């Protein structure tokens, strides 16, 4: 009985802490989302990246993302930022694509694909990737890093109950 009571207390505390952490994430939205939609923030991110690096970034975004929670918007923007930072630092790419699909139930798939030197998925665990993975898994999502046969690196994030999609460069 005592052990069962302790387990209930542990579970309740964990649930409260998770709710508090999610509230903090939502409260401290990235500056890019202040006064802007996620689509606008991603378009600005891509344009700024192209201007700063000369790497052309094509964006494929839905017209709106109203089905997404603020928490998921924050995760998507942060992952896109970090993925493009990795393109800048490591890829030696000439072009990149940022794609987002959102279903009516709020499930989302973000893909950042570059045409650079690629990455060995078995060794894909630097500081940036680890941070992305932690951020995504904290919201119940998944993050995949792959080296498509066409070259480059693909970072794919699934949030909610997003269906499996195939990458297209």
Foldseek 3Di string as FASTA:
>chain_A
DVVVVVVVVVVVVVVVVLVVVLVVLLVCADPLPVVHALVNSLVVLQVVLCVVQVAHEAEAEDPHQVLADSLVSRLLSLLSNLVSVCCRVPFPFNYKYWYKDADNNHKMKIKIWTQGAFDDQVPPDDPSVVVSQVSQVSQVKGWGWDADPNGTIMIMIIHDPDDDDDDDD
